C-alpha atoms as a PDB file:
ATOM      1  CA  MET A   1     -32.090 -33.652  13.690  1.00  0.00           C
ATOM      2  CA  SER A   2     -33.274 -33.860  17.188  1.00  0.00           C
ATOM      3  CA  ILE A   3     -31.250 -35.393  19.989  1.00  0.00           C
ATOM      4  CA  ALA A   4     -34.236 -37.749  20.743  1.00  0.00           C
ATOM      5  CA  TYR A   5     -34.223 -39.078  17.312  1.00  0.00           C
ATOM      6  CA  ILE A   6     -30.453 -39.557  17.104  1.00  0.00           C
ATOM      7  CA  THR A   7     -30.352 -41.329  20.523  1.00  0.00           C
ATOM      8  CA  ILE A   8     -33.348 -43.649  20.194  1.00  0.00           C
ATOM      9  CA  THR A   9     -32.290 -44.479  16.451  1.00  0.00           C
ATOM     10  CA  ALA A  10     -28.679 -45.135  17.698  1.00  0.00           C
ATOM     11  CA  VAL A  11     -29.850 -47.361  20.639  1.00  0.00           C
ATOM     12  CA  ALA A  12     -32.108 -49.244  18.447  1.00  0.00           C
ATOM     13  CA  ALA A  13     -29.472 -50.081  15.706  1.00  0.00           C
ATOM     14  CA  PHE A  14     -27.101 -50.908  18.604  1.00  0.00           C
ATOM     15  CA  PHE A  15     -29.536 -53.514  19.999  1.00  0.00           C
ATOM     16  CA  THR A  16     -30.196 -55.041  16.700  1.00  0.00           C
ATOM     17  CA  GLY A  17     -26.938 -55.021  15.438  1.00  0.00           C
ATOM     18  CA  SER A  18     -25.512 -56.748  18.535  1.00  0.00           C
ATOM     19  CA  ALA A  19     -28.290 -59.458  18.050  1.00  0.00           C
ATOM     20  CA  ALA A  20     -27.345 -59.678  14.483  1.00  0.00           C
ATOM     21  CA  VAL A  21     -23.643 -60.269  15.345  1.00  0.00           C
ATOM     22  CA  PHE A  22     -24.552 -63.129  17.737  1.00  0.00           C
ATOM     23  CA  TYR A  23     -26.645 -64.812  15.080  1.00  0.00           C
ATOM     24  CA  LEU A  24     -24.003 -64.430  12.318  1.00  0.00           C
ATOM     25  CA  ILE A  25     -20.977 -65.491  14.345  1.00  0.00           C
ATOM     26  CA  GLY A  26     -22.758 -68.772  15.259  1.00  0.00           C
ATOM     27  CA  HIS A  27     -23.060 -68.118  19.017  1.00  0.00           C
ATOM     28  CA  GLU A  28     -24.691 -70.848  20.966  1.00  0.00           C
ATOM     29  CA  TYR A  29     -27.557 -68.682  22.402  1.00  0.00           C
ATOM     30  CA  PRO A  30     -29.412 -68.074  18.970  1.00  0.00           C
ATOM     31  CA  LYS A  31     -29.048 -71.784  18.208  1.00  0.00           C
ATOM     32  CA  THR A  32     -30.657 -72.882  21.483  1.00  0.00           C
ATOM     33  CA  GLN A  33     -33.475 -70.449  21.066  1.00  0.00           C
ATOM     34  CA  ALA A  34     -34.031 -71.754  17.634  1.00  0.00           C
ATOM     35  CA  ASP A  35     -34.178 -75.282  18.807  1.00  0.00           C
ATOM     36  CA  MET A  36     -36.484 -74.390  21.680  1.00  0.00           C
ATOM     37  CA  LYS A  37     -38.875 -72.782  19.106  1.00  0.00           C
ATOM     38  CA  GLY A  38     -38.597 -75.616  16.698  1.00  0.00           C
ATOM     39  CA  ILE A  39     -36.854 -73.613  14.071  1.00  0.00           C
ATOM     40  CA  PRO A  40     -34.153 -75.531  12.049  1.00  0.00           C
ATOM     41  CA  ARG A  41     -30.595 -74.066  12.781  1.00  0.00           C
ATOM     42  CA  LYS A  42     -29.936 -73.427   9.127  1.00  0.00           C
ATOM     43  CA  TYR A  43     -32.318 -70.337   9.612  1.00  0.00           C
ATOM     44  CA  VAL A  44     -30.377 -68.840  12.259  1.00  0.00           C
ATOM     45  CA  PRO A  45     -27.950 -67.087   9.769  1.00  0.00           C
ATOM     46  CA  VAL A  46     -31.079 -65.855   7.962  1.00  0.00           C
ATOM     47  CA  LEU A  47     -32.426 -64.408  10.999  1.00  0.00           C
ATOM     48  CA  GLY A  48     -29.124 -62.643  11.671  1.00  0.00           C
ATOM     49  CA  SER A  49     -29.080 -61.354   8.225  1.00  0.00           C
ATOM     50  CA  LEU A  50     -32.619 -59.714   8.642  1.00  0.00           C
ATOM     51  CA  LEU A  51     -31.420 -58.078  11.941  1.00  0.00           C
ATOM     52  CA  ALA A  52     -28.069 -56.839   9.978  1.00  0.00           C
ATOM     53  CA  ALA A  53     -30.246 -55.557   7.250  1.00  0.00           C
ATOM     54  CA  GLY A  54     -32.581 -53.759   9.893  1.00  0.00           C
ATOM     55  CA  THR A  55     -29.465 -52.127  11.687  1.00  0.00           C
ATOM     56  CA  VAL A  56     -27.939 -50.818   8.184  1.00  0.00           C
ATOM     57  CA  GLY A  57     -31.504 -49.600   7.429  1.00  0.00           C
ATOM     58  CA  LEU A  58     -31.727 -47.745  10.653  1.00  0.00           C
ATOM     59  CA  ALA A  59     -28.518 -46.314  10.193  1.00  0.00           C
ATOM     60  CA  ALA A  60     -29.158 -45.340   6.498  1.00  0.00           C
ATOM     61  CA  GLY A  61     -32.179 -43.407   7.815  1.00  0.00           C
ATOM     62  CA  PHE A  62     -30.061 -40.819   9.190  1.00  0.00           C
ATOM     63  CA  ALA A  63     -29.322 -39.888   5.560  1.00  0.00           C
ATOM     64  CA  VAL A  64     -32.500 -41.020   3.895  1.00  0.00           C
ATOM     65  CA  PRO A  65     -35.271 -41.051   6.404  1.00  0.00           C
ATOM     66  CA  LEU A  66     -37.611 -43.349   4.353  1.00  0.00           C
ATOM     67  CA  LEU A  67     -35.015 -46.181   4.670  1.00  0.00           C
ATOM     68  CA  GLY A  68     -34.988 -45.810   8.320  1.00  0.00           C
ATOM     69  CA  GLN A  69     -38.838 -45.838   8.697  1.00  0.00           C
ATOM     70  CA  LEU A  70     -38.992 -48.931   6.421  1.00  0.00           C
ATOM     71  CA  ALA A  71     -36.340 -50.669   8.545  1.00  0.00           C
ATOM     72  CA  ALA A  72     -37.920 -49.841  11.714  1.00  0.00           C
ATOM     73  CA  GLY A  73     -41.081 -51.108  10.353  1.00  0.00           C
ATOM     74  CA  GLY A  74     -39.468 -54.434   9.298  1.00  0.00           C
ATOM     75  CA  LEU A  75     -37.856 -54.848  12.585  1.00  0.00           C
ATOM     76  CA  ILE A  76     -41.195 -54.387  14.312  1.00  0.00           C
ATOM     77  CA  LEU A  77     -42.576 -57.241  12.286  1.00  0.00           C
ATOM     78  CA  TYR A  78     -39.540 -59.253  12.999  1.00  0.00           C
ATOM     79  CA  PHE A  79     -39.843 -58.887  16.820  1.00  0.00           C
ATOM     80  CA  ILE A  80     -43.611 -59.253  16.858  1.00  0.00           C
ATOM     81  CA  GLY A  81     -42.778 -62.773  15.149  1.00  0.00           C
ATOM     82  CA  ALA A  82     -40.232 -63.483  17.717  1.00  0.00           C
ATOM     83  CA  ILE A  83     -42.542 -62.902  20.446  1.00  0.00           C
ATOM     84  CA  ILE A  84     -45.254 -65.025  18.890  1.00  0.00           C
ATOM     85  CA  ALA A  85     -42.741 -67.972  18.236  1.00  0.00           C
ATOM     86  CA  HIS A  86     -41.889 -67.862  21.915  1.00  0.00           C
ATOM     87  CA  LEU A  87     -45.525 -67.819  22.939  1.00  0.00           C
ATOM     88  CA  ARG A  88     -46.420 -70.726  20.421  1.00  0.00           C
ATOM     89  CA  VAL A  89     -44.111 -72.909  22.296  1.00  0.00           C
ATOM     90  CA  GLY A  90     -45.243 -71.944  25.795  1.00  0.00           C
ATOM     91  CA  SER A  91     -42.113 -69.789  26.739  1.00  0.00           C
ATOM     92  CA  ARG A  92     -42.902 -66.757  28.704  1.00  0.00           C
ATOM     93  CA  ASN A  93     -39.544 -65.348  28.474  1.00  0.00           C
ATOM     94  CA  VAL A  94     -40.423 -62.476  26.045  1.00  0.00           C
ATOM     95  CA  ILE A  95     -38.809 -59.583  27.744  1.00  0.00           C
ATOM     96  CA  GLY A  96     -35.925 -59.312  25.590  1.00  0.00           C
ATOM     97  CA  GLY A  97     -38.161 -59.409  22.429  1.00  0.00           C
ATOM     98  CA  VAL A  98     -40.406 -56.815  24.121  1.00  0.00           C
ATOM     99  CA  VAL A  99     -37.279 -54.502  24.611  1.00  0.00           C
ATOM    100  CA  PHE A 100     -36.196 -54.975  21.158  1.00  0.00           C
ATOM    101  CA  LEU A 101     -39.695 -54.314  19.861  1.00  0.00           C
ATOM    102  CA  ALA A 102     -40.071 -51.090  21.783  1.00  0.00           C
ATOM    103  CA  THR A 103     -36.757 -49.744  20.726  1.00  0.00           C
ATOM    104  CA  SER A 104     -37.791 -50.275  16.953  1.00  0.00           C
ATOM    105  CA  VAL A 105     -41.313 -48.946  17.659  1.00  0.00           C
ATOM    106  CA  ALA A 106     -39.588 -45.704  19.235  1.00  0.00           C
ATOM    107  CA  ALA A 107     -37.242 -45.464  16.426  1.00  0.00           C
ATOM    108  CA  LEU A 108     -40.172 -45.425  13.924  1.00  0.00           C
ATOM    109  CA  VAL A 109     -42.268 -42.878  16.062  1.00  0.00           C
ATOM    110  CA  VAL A 110     -39.430 -40.423  16.361  1.00  0.00           C
ATOM    111  CA  SER A 111     -38.515 -40.700  12.693  1.00  0.00           C
ATOM    112  CA  LEU A 112     -42.098 -40.089  11.623  1.00  0.00           C
ATOM    113  CA  ALA A 113     -42.401 -37.209  14.130  1.00  0.00           C
ATOM    114  CA  ARG A 114     -39.576 -35.438  12.887  1.00  0.00           C
END
């Protein structure tokens, strides 16, 4: 395993895992984001579960590369959807989504390259 693969995948897993925790513990930030986007609050734990599944998948990718690649692909779709949700309501505060998207893309690229 290359150092780049380990580092990038670990950073992506840390970012998505941190976000998953905030969504799953009921932190106020994800709830206000859901309100702003017109998403019912009952879906916040579902979104957190998707992030958690992506995090576990990235970590599992160290043992089974295909799982990591599929998880990275799922996270890419998730963050594209998040960016679209922001733009749909006129929010231009997408830098966080872009950073999360970029780390997921990078994790997929280094996984496919190794």
